[in-house]
């Protein structure tokens, strides 16, 4: 789980379809397999999105007015893939601050 703040790419945080696109890019670049996705646009701005992965899930909820997004990336496979996903996603958003909390779960914890 992570909170990314001071994100320079606030437009991505403002529009859920852009959020979903950025999440998909990050997941795929990290070697994760997206099997389904869903997003919801809040008014006037902000959104939530979730990717179902063959390895588990990647979810996000944004606060564009605070340039912040909270994410959860969980995998049932190589845990470095989740870390790489967070890294790529934070680079896409140009996050100045990344507060990361790793929680061991299942057999990979």
Foldseek 3Di string as FASTA:
>chain_A
DKKFFPFPQLVCQFDFVSVVVLLVVLLVVLVWAFDDKDKDADPPGGIKMKTQTPQGIKIWTHDSVGRMIDMDDDGNDDVVSSVSSVVSSCVVRVGPDMDDDDDDDDPRD
